Amino acid sequence: MTATEHPNDVFTEDDRTHLRAAIEASRQARAAGNMPFGASLVKDGRLLWVAQNNQSTTGDCTGHAEVVLVREARQALGELSTVGATVYASGEPCAMCAGAMFWAGIRRVVYAATTPDIEAALGGPSLPMRCAQALAATQPPVRVDGPWLRDEAVAVLTGA
């Protein structure tokens, strides 16, 4: 399944709750001096972990929220914590994050702000491959849904 520029499936109240947790983490990342991105990990309907971008505070260029989420969750909860899980991301994951999530066994990604939204709000370097493109031919497949709650996420990106 590929992402589109409009909701492409049923968006449940649980999806809304978990995506809002990621958006809240993006606010916390901004407040800490990092890029404004957050992610949450859900498996079997349970919120297992929430993480935020930490590139500036750690000096780690790979400190994107989704990569931090995978690292922290697997370290704290075990490597099986991510297998078959869903990641909710405040912003559309980049190709690096898409790859990390694939290798961690994530099977669904749900995002809020799109890559063009992120580029418009933040400028800077851009990796133009969209998340759905990066994950399009993976085996096993990874479902990508979004954008959802786009305005809420963009408000954090722009500092509104």
N, C-alpha and C. Protein backbone atom coordinates (compact mmCIF):
# COMPACT_ATOMS: atom_id res chain seq x y z
N MET A 1 0.85 -1.17 0.00
CA MET A 1 0.00 0.00 0.00
C MET A 1 0.90 1.24 0.00
N THR A 2 0.55 2.25 -0.70
CA THR A 2 1.37 3.44 -0.78
C THR A 2 0.66 4.63 -0.18
N ALA A 3 1.46 5.63 0.19
CA ALA A 3 0.89 6.86 0.75
C ALA A 3 0.34 7.73 -0.36
N THR A 4 -0.65 8.50 -0.02
CA THR A 4 -1.19 9.48 -0.94
C THR A 4 -1.21 10.82 -0.25
N GLU A 5 -1.58 11.86 -0.98
CA GLU A 5 -1.62 13.18 -0.39
C GLU A 5 -2.97 13.46 0.28
N HIS A 6 -3.67 12.42 0.64
CA HIS A 6 -4.91 12.53 1.39
C HIS A 6 -5.09 11.22 2.15
N PRO A 7 -5.89 11.24 3.20
CA PRO A 7 -6.10 9.99 3.94
C PRO A 7 -6.60 8.89 3.00
N ASN A 8 -6.00 7.70 3.14
CA ASN A 8 -6.31 6.63 2.20
C ASN A 8 -6.94 5.41 2.85
N ASP A 9 -7.31 5.51 4.08
CA ASP A 9 -7.89 4.37 4.75
C ASP A 9 -8.64 4.88 5.97
N VAL A 10 -9.19 3.98 6.72
CA VAL A 10 -9.89 4.37 7.93
C VAL A 10 -8.86 4.85 8.95
N PHE A 11 -9.13 6.01 9.53
CA PHE A 11 -8.27 6.59 10.56
C PHE A 11 -9.06 6.52 11.86
N THR A 12 -8.65 5.65 12.77
CA THR A 12 -9.41 5.38 13.98
C THR A 12 -9.08 6.35 15.10
N GLU A 13 -9.85 6.31 16.15
CA GLU A 13 -9.55 7.13 17.34
C GLU A 13 -8.23 6.70 17.95
N ASP A 14 -7.92 5.41 17.93
CA ASP A 14 -6.62 4.96 18.43
C ASP A 14 -5.49 5.54 17.58
N ASP A 15 -5.66 5.52 16.25
CA ASP A 15 -4.65 6.13 15.38
C ASP A 15 -4.45 7.59 15.76
N ARG A 16 -5.55 8.31 15.95
CA ARG A 16 -5.49 9.73 16.31
C ARG A 16 -4.72 9.93 17.62
N THR A 17 -5.01 9.11 18.60
CA THR A 17 -4.33 9.21 19.90
C THR A 17 -2.84 8.98 19.76
N HIS A 18 -2.47 7.94 19.04
CA HIS A 18 -1.04 7.59 18.92
C HIS A 18 -0.28 8.60 18.07
N LEU A 19 -0.94 9.14 17.04
CA LEU A 19 -0.28 10.15 16.22
C LEU A 19 -0.13 11.45 17.02
N ARG A 20 -1.11 11.75 17.83
CA ARG A 20 -0.98 12.96 18.68
C ARG A 20 0.15 12.80 19.70
N ALA A 21 0.41 11.59 20.16
CA ALA A 21 1.56 11.36 21.05
C ALA A 21 2.86 11.71 20.32
N ALA A 22 2.95 11.34 19.05
CA ALA A 22 4.13 11.67 18.25
C ALA A 22 4.23 13.19 18.04
N ILE A 23 3.11 13.84 17.79
CA ILE A 23 3.12 15.29 17.59
C ILE A 23 3.52 16.00 18.89
N GLU A 24 3.04 15.50 20.03
CA GLU A 24 3.45 16.08 21.31
C GLU A 24 4.95 15.91 21.52
N ALA A 25 5.49 14.76 21.15
CA ALA A 25 6.94 14.55 21.25
C ALA A 25 7.69 15.52 20.35
N SER A 26 7.11 15.89 19.22
CA SER A 26 7.76 16.87 18.34
C SER A 26 7.81 18.24 19.01
N ARG A 27 6.77 18.59 19.78
CA ARG A 27 6.78 19.85 20.55
C ARG A 27 7.90 19.82 21.59
N GLN A 28 8.04 18.68 22.25
CA GLN A 28 9.08 18.53 23.27
C GLN A 28 10.47 18.60 22.65
N ALA A 29 10.62 18.02 21.47
CA ALA A 29 11.91 18.10 20.78
C ALA A 29 12.26 19.55 20.46
N ARG A 30 11.30 20.30 19.94
CA ARG A 30 11.51 21.72 19.63
C ARG A 30 11.91 22.47 20.91
N ALA A 31 11.19 22.23 22.00
CA ALA A 31 11.47 22.90 23.27
C ALA A 31 12.87 22.59 23.79
N ALA A 32 13.37 21.39 23.47
CA ALA A 32 14.71 20.98 23.91
C ALA A 32 15.81 21.50 22.99
N GLY A 33 15.44 22.15 21.89
CA GLY A 33 16.43 22.68 20.97
C GLY A 33 16.76 21.77 19.81
N ASN A 34 15.95 20.76 19.62
CA ASN A 34 16.15 19.82 18.51
C ASN A 34 15.18 20.12 17.37
N MET A 35 15.34 19.42 16.27
CA MET A 35 14.39 19.52 15.18
C MET A 35 13.04 19.01 15.69
N PRO A 36 11.93 19.61 15.24
CA PRO A 36 10.62 19.30 15.81
C PRO A 36 9.96 18.04 15.24
N PHE A 37 10.47 16.90 15.66
CA PHE A 37 9.92 15.63 15.20
C PHE A 37 9.79 14.65 16.35
N GLY A 38 8.70 13.87 16.31
CA GLY A 38 8.47 12.85 17.32
C GLY A 38 7.88 11.62 16.69
N ALA A 39 7.94 10.51 17.41
CA ALA A 39 7.42 9.24 16.91
C ALA A 39 6.94 8.39 18.08
N SER A 40 5.93 7.57 17.82
CA SER A 40 5.44 6.64 18.84
C SER A 40 5.36 5.24 18.24
N LEU A 41 5.55 4.25 19.11
CA LEU A 41 5.56 2.84 18.72
C LEU A 41 4.37 2.16 19.36
N VAL A 42 3.57 1.49 18.54
CA VAL A 42 2.37 0.80 19.01
C VAL A 42 2.39 -0.64 18.50
N LYS A 43 2.10 -1.55 19.40
CA LYS A 43 2.03 -2.96 19.02
C LYS A 43 0.86 -3.60 19.75
N ASP A 44 0.07 -4.34 19.02
CA ASP A 44 -1.11 -5.01 19.59
C ASP A 44 -2.01 -4.02 20.32
N GLY A 45 -2.12 -2.81 19.75
CA GLY A 45 -2.99 -1.79 20.30
C GLY A 45 -2.44 -1.05 21.50
N ARG A 46 -1.23 -1.37 21.93
CA ARG A 46 -0.63 -0.74 23.12
C ARG A 46 0.49 0.21 22.72
N LEU A 47 0.45 1.39 23.30
CA LEU A 47 1.55 2.35 23.13
C LEU A 47 2.72 1.86 23.95
N LEU A 48 3.82 1.54 23.25
CA LEU A 48 4.99 0.98 23.93
C LEU A 48 6.08 2.01 24.21
N TRP A 49 6.23 2.98 23.29
CA TRP A 49 7.37 3.89 23.42
C TRP A 49 7.09 5.17 22.64
N VAL A 50 7.60 6.28 23.13
CA VAL A 50 7.54 7.55 22.42
C VAL A 50 8.94 8.14 22.45
N ALA A 51 9.37 8.69 21.32
CA ALA A 51 10.71 9.27 21.24
C ALA A 51 10.65 10.56 20.44
N GLN A 52 11.71 11.33 20.57
CA GLN A 52 11.80 12.58 19.85
C GLN A 52 13.17 12.73 19.20
N ASN A 53 13.21 13.60 18.22
CA ASN A 53 14.47 13.93 17.56
C ASN A 53 15.45 14.42 18.62
N ASN A 54 16.72 14.00 18.52
CA ASN A 54 17.73 14.46 19.47
C ASN A 54 19.05 14.83 18.79
N GLN A 55 18.98 15.20 17.51
CA GLN A 55 20.18 15.50 16.75
C GLN A 55 21.04 16.58 17.41
N SER A 56 20.45 17.68 17.81
CA SER A 56 21.23 18.79 18.36
C SER A 56 21.76 18.48 19.74
N THR A 57 20.93 17.90 20.60
CA THR A 57 21.35 17.66 21.98
C THR A 57 22.35 16.52 22.11
N THR A 58 22.39 15.62 21.13
CA THR A 58 23.36 14.51 21.19
C THR A 58 24.51 14.68 20.20
N GLY A 59 24.36 15.59 19.25
CA GLY A 59 25.37 15.73 18.20
C GLY A 59 25.37 14.57 17.23
N ASP A 60 24.29 13.81 17.19
CA ASP A 60 24.19 12.63 16.34
C ASP A 60 23.30 12.95 15.15
N CYS A 61 23.87 13.01 13.96
CA CYS A 61 23.11 13.35 12.76
C CYS A 61 22.05 12.31 12.42
N THR A 62 22.13 11.12 13.00
CA THR A 62 21.12 10.09 12.77
C THR A 62 20.04 10.11 13.85
N GLY A 63 20.02 11.12 14.69
CA GLY A 63 19.08 11.19 15.79
C GLY A 63 17.68 11.61 15.39
N HIS A 64 17.22 11.13 14.26
CA HIS A 64 15.84 11.39 13.84
C HIS A 64 14.90 10.62 14.77
N ALA A 65 13.71 11.13 14.97
CA ALA A 65 12.78 10.55 15.95
C ALA A 65 12.53 9.06 15.72
N GLU A 66 12.36 8.66 14.47
CA GLU A 66 12.06 7.25 14.20
C GLU A 66 13.25 6.34 14.50
N VAL A 67 14.46 6.79 14.20
CA VAL A 67 15.65 6.01 14.50
C VAL A 67 15.86 5.93 16.01
N VAL A 68 15.68 7.06 16.69
CA VAL A 68 15.78 7.07 18.16
C VAL A 68 14.75 6.12 18.76
N LEU A 69 13.53 6.14 18.24
CA LEU A 69 12.47 5.27 18.71
C LEU A 69 12.86 3.80 18.60
N VAL A 70 13.34 3.41 17.43
CA VAL A 70 13.75 2.02 17.21
C VAL A 70 14.88 1.64 18.18
N ARG A 71 15.89 2.49 18.28
CA ARG A 71 17.03 2.18 19.16
C ARG A 71 16.59 2.05 20.61
N GLU A 72 15.86 3.05 21.09
CA GLU A 72 15.47 3.05 22.51
C GLU A 72 14.51 1.91 22.84
N ALA A 73 13.51 1.70 22.00
CA ALA A 73 12.52 0.66 22.28
C ALA A 73 13.16 -0.72 22.28
N ARG A 74 14.00 -0.98 21.30
CA ARG A 74 14.62 -2.31 21.23
C ARG A 74 15.58 -2.52 22.39
N GLN A 75 16.27 -1.47 22.81
CA GLN A 75 17.18 -1.60 23.94
C GLN A 75 16.41 -1.82 25.24
N ALA A 76 15.33 -1.09 25.43
CA ALA A 76 14.57 -1.18 26.68
C ALA A 76 13.61 -2.37 26.73
N LEU A 77 13.00 -2.70 25.59
CA LEU A 77 11.93 -3.69 25.57
C LEU A 77 12.29 -4.98 24.86
N GLY A 78 13.43 -5.00 24.19
CA GLY A 78 13.84 -6.19 23.46
C GLY A 78 13.61 -6.05 21.97
N GLU A 79 14.35 -6.83 21.20
CA GLU A 79 14.29 -6.68 19.75
C GLU A 79 12.95 -7.04 19.15
N LEU A 80 12.16 -7.86 19.81
CA LEU A 80 10.85 -8.23 19.28
C LEU A 80 9.80 -7.14 19.47
N SER A 81 10.13 -6.12 20.24
CA SER A 81 9.16 -5.05 20.50
C SER A 81 8.74 -4.32 19.24
N THR A 82 9.60 -4.28 18.25
CA THR A 82 9.28 -3.55 17.02
C THR A 82 8.72 -4.44 15.92
N VAL A 83 8.89 -5.73 16.03
CA VAL A 83 8.48 -6.64 14.96
C VAL A 83 6.95 -6.68 14.87
N GLY A 84 6.44 -6.30 13.70
CA GLY A 84 5.00 -6.29 13.47
C GLY A 84 4.30 -5.05 14.01
N ALA A 85 5.05 -4.09 14.51
CA ALA A 85 4.48 -2.91 15.15
C ALA A 85 4.17 -1.80 14.14
N THR A 86 3.54 -0.75 14.65
CA THR A 86 3.24 0.46 13.88
C THR A 86 4.02 1.62 14.48
N VAL A 87 4.59 2.45 13.61
CA VAL A 87 5.21 3.70 14.04
C VAL A 87 4.35 4.84 13.55
N TYR A 88 4.04 5.75 14.46
CA TYR A 88 3.34 6.99 14.16
C TYR A 88 4.39 8.09 14.21
N ALA A 89 4.48 8.89 13.15
CA ALA A 89 5.51 9.91 13.04
C ALA A 89 4.88 11.28 12.80
N SER A 90 5.39 12.29 13.49
CA SER A 90 4.85 13.64 13.33
C SER A 90 5.12 14.18 11.93
N GLY A 91 6.19 13.73 11.32
CA GLY A 91 6.54 14.12 9.96
C GLY A 91 6.84 12.89 9.13
N GLU A 92 6.60 12.99 7.85
CA GLU A 92 6.84 11.85 6.96
C GLU A 92 8.29 11.40 7.09
N PRO A 93 8.53 10.13 7.43
CA PRO A 93 9.90 9.65 7.62
C PRO A 93 10.74 9.74 6.35
N CYS A 94 12.00 10.08 6.53
CA CYS A 94 12.95 10.14 5.41
C CYS A 94 13.37 8.71 5.03
N ALA A 95 14.16 8.60 4.00
CA ALA A 95 14.61 7.29 3.52
C ALA A 95 15.44 6.56 4.57
N MET A 96 16.28 7.29 5.32
CA MET A 96 17.09 6.66 6.37
C MET A 96 16.18 6.03 7.42
N CYS A 97 15.18 6.80 7.86
CA CYS A 97 14.26 6.31 8.88
C CYS A 97 13.40 5.17 8.35
N ALA A 98 12.98 5.27 7.10
CA ALA A 98 12.20 4.20 6.48
C ALA A 98 13.01 2.90 6.50
N GLY A 99 14.27 2.98 6.14
CA GLY A 99 15.12 1.79 6.17
C GLY A 99 15.29 1.23 7.56
N ALA A 100 15.51 2.09 8.54
CA ALA A 100 15.67 1.63 9.93
C ALA A 100 14.41 0.93 10.41
N MET A 101 13.26 1.52 10.07
CA MET A 101 12.00 0.90 10.50
C MET A 101 11.79 -0.46 9.82
N PHE A 102 12.12 -0.53 8.53
CA PHE A 102 11.99 -1.81 7.83
C PHE A 102 12.85 -2.88 8.50
N TRP A 103 14.13 -2.55 8.76
CA TRP A 103 15.03 -3.54 9.34
C TRP A 103 14.63 -3.91 10.76
N ALA A 104 13.86 -3.03 11.44
CA ALA A 104 13.38 -3.32 12.79
C ALA A 104 12.10 -4.15 12.77
N GLY A 105 11.55 -4.41 11.58
CA GLY A 105 10.35 -5.24 11.47
C GLY A 105 9.04 -4.48 11.58
N ILE A 106 9.09 -3.16 11.50
CA ILE A 106 7.87 -2.35 11.53
C ILE A 106 7.06 -2.71 10.29
N ARG A 107 5.74 -2.85 10.43
CA ARG A 107 4.90 -3.22 9.29
C ARG A 107 3.89 -2.16 8.89
N ARG A 108 3.80 -1.06 9.66
CA ARG A 108 2.93 0.05 9.28
C ARG A 108 3.55 1.34 9.78
N VAL A 109 3.49 2.35 8.92
CA VAL A 109 3.95 3.69 9.26
C VAL A 109 2.79 4.65 9.00
N VAL A 110 2.50 5.50 9.98
CA VAL A 110 1.46 6.51 9.86
C VAL A 110 2.11 7.85 10.13
N TYR A 111 1.93 8.81 9.22
CA TYR A 111 2.59 10.10 9.43
C TYR A 111 1.60 11.25 9.32
N ALA A 112 2.04 12.41 9.84
CA ALA A 112 1.21 13.61 9.83
C ALA A 112 1.69 14.57 8.73
N ALA A 113 2.68 15.40 9.00
CA ALA A 113 3.16 16.37 8.00
C ALA A 113 3.89 15.64 6.87
N THR A 114 3.72 16.13 5.66
CA THR A 114 4.37 15.54 4.48
C THR A 114 5.79 16.07 4.31
N THR A 115 6.56 15.39 3.48
CA THR A 115 7.90 15.88 3.16
C THR A 115 7.86 17.29 2.59
N PRO A 116 6.96 17.61 1.64
CA PRO A 116 6.89 19.00 1.18
C PRO A 116 6.52 19.99 2.30
N ASP A 117 5.67 19.58 3.24
CA ASP A 117 5.36 20.44 4.39
C ASP A 117 6.62 20.73 5.19
N ILE A 118 7.41 19.70 5.41
CA ILE A 118 8.64 19.83 6.20
C ILE A 118 9.62 20.75 5.48
N GLU A 119 9.79 20.53 4.18
CA GLU A 119 10.69 21.38 3.40
C GLU A 119 10.24 22.84 3.44
N ALA A 120 8.94 23.09 3.30
CA ALA A 120 8.42 24.47 3.31
C ALA A 120 8.61 25.12 4.68
N ALA A 121 8.43 24.36 5.75
CA ALA A 121 8.52 24.92 7.09
C ALA A 121 9.94 25.12 7.57
N LEU A 122 10.84 24.19 7.22
CA LEU A 122 12.17 24.20 7.81
C LEU A 122 13.30 24.52 6.83
N GLY A 123 13.06 24.35 5.53
CA GLY A 123 14.14 24.56 4.56
C GLY A 123 15.28 23.59 4.80
N GLY A 124 16.48 23.99 4.43
CA GLY A 124 17.66 23.17 4.66
C GLY A 124 17.79 22.03 3.68
N PRO A 125 18.72 21.10 3.96
CA PRO A 125 18.95 19.96 3.08
C PRO A 125 17.69 19.11 2.97
N SER A 126 17.54 18.49 1.81
CA SER A 126 16.36 17.66 1.59
C SER A 126 16.77 16.35 0.92
N LEU A 127 16.22 15.26 1.46
CA LEU A 127 16.36 13.95 0.85
C LEU A 127 15.02 13.68 0.19
N PRO A 128 14.92 13.87 -1.13
CA PRO A 128 13.61 13.95 -1.78
C PRO A 128 12.82 12.65 -1.89
N MET A 129 13.36 11.53 -1.55
CA MET A 129 12.61 10.28 -1.66
C MET A 129 11.53 10.25 -0.59
N ARG A 130 10.30 10.01 -1.00
CA ARG A 130 9.18 9.95 -0.06
C ARG A 130 9.18 8.59 0.65
N CYS A 131 8.61 8.54 1.82
CA CYS A 131 8.58 7.32 2.63
C CYS A 131 7.98 6.14 1.86
N ALA A 132 6.85 6.37 1.23
CA ALA A 132 6.20 5.28 0.49
C ALA A 132 7.07 4.79 -0.66
N GLN A 133 7.85 5.69 -1.27
CA GLN A 133 8.77 5.27 -2.33
C GLN A 133 9.85 4.37 -1.77
N ALA A 134 10.40 4.77 -0.62
CA ALA A 134 11.49 3.99 -0.01
C ALA A 134 11.02 2.59 0.39
N LEU A 135 9.76 2.47 0.75
CA LEU A 135 9.25 1.18 1.24
C LEU A 135 8.38 0.44 0.22
N ALA A 136 8.28 0.95 -0.99
CA ALA A 136 7.33 0.44 -1.99
C ALA A 136 7.49 -1.04 -2.32
N ALA A 137 8.68 -1.52 -2.44
CA ALA A 137 8.87 -2.90 -2.91
C ALA A 137 9.44 -3.81 -1.82
N THR A 138 9.31 -3.42 -0.57
CA THR A 138 9.89 -4.22 0.50
C THR A 138 9.17 -5.55 0.65
N GLN A 139 9.92 -6.54 1.07
CA GLN A 139 9.39 -7.86 1.39
C GLN A 139 9.92 -8.25 2.75
N PRO A 140 9.08 -8.41 3.75
CA PRO A 140 7.64 -8.25 3.71
C PRO A 140 7.24 -6.78 3.54
N PRO A 141 6.02 -6.56 3.08
CA PRO A 141 5.59 -5.19 2.81
C PRO A 141 5.40 -4.37 4.08
N VAL A 142 5.58 -3.06 3.91
CA VAL A 142 5.31 -2.09 4.98
C VAL A 142 4.24 -1.14 4.46
N ARG A 143 3.17 -1.04 5.18
CA ARG A 143 2.07 -0.15 4.81
C ARG A 143 2.39 1.27 5.27
N VAL A 144 2.17 2.26 4.41
CA VAL A 144 2.41 3.66 4.74
C VAL A 144 1.10 4.42 4.57
N ASP A 145 0.66 5.07 5.64
CA ASP A 145 -0.58 5.83 5.64
C ASP A 145 -0.31 7.28 6.03
N GLY A 146 -0.95 8.20 5.33
CA GLY A 146 -0.83 9.60 5.69
C GLY A 146 -1.05 10.46 4.46
N PRO A 147 -1.13 11.72 4.63
CA PRO A 147 -0.99 12.41 5.92
C PRO A 147 -2.29 12.45 6.71
N TRP A 148 -2.16 12.39 8.01
CA TRP A 148 -3.27 12.53 8.96
C TRP A 148 -2.87 13.60 9.96
N LEU A 149 -3.79 14.36 10.48
CA LEU A 149 -3.55 15.42 11.46
C LEU A 149 -2.46 16.38 10.97
N ARG A 150 -2.45 16.58 9.69
CA ARG A 150 -1.40 17.37 9.03
C ARG A 150 -1.28 18.78 9.61
N ASP A 151 -2.39 19.48 9.78
CA ASP A 151 -2.35 20.85 10.28
C ASP A 151 -1.74 20.93 11.67
N GLU A 152 -2.05 19.96 12.52
CA GLU A 152 -1.49 19.95 13.88
C GLU A 152 0.03 19.80 13.84
N ALA A 153 0.50 18.94 12.99
CA ALA A 153 1.94 18.70 12.89
C ALA A 153 2.65 19.90 12.26
N VAL A 154 2.06 20.47 11.23
CA VAL A 154 2.67 21.64 10.56
C VAL A 154 2.76 22.81 11.54
N ALA A 155 1.77 22.96 12.40
CA ALA A 155 1.82 24.04 13.39
C ALA A 155 3.05 23.92 14.29
N VAL A 156 3.42 22.71 14.64
CA VAL A 156 4.63 22.51 15.45
C VAL A 156 5.87 22.81 14.61
N LEU A 157 5.88 22.36 13.37
CA LEU A 157 7.03 22.62 12.49
C LEU A 157 7.31 24.12 12.35
N THR A 158 6.24 24.88 12.22
CA THR A 158 6.39 26.33 11.99
C THR A 158 6.49 27.13 13.28
N GLY A 159 6.31 26.45 14.41
CA GLY A 159 6.39 27.14 15.70
C GLY A 159 5.14 27.93 16.03
N ALA A 160 4.05 27.62 15.35
CA ALA A 160 2.78 28.36 15.58
C ALA A 160 2.13 27.98 16.89
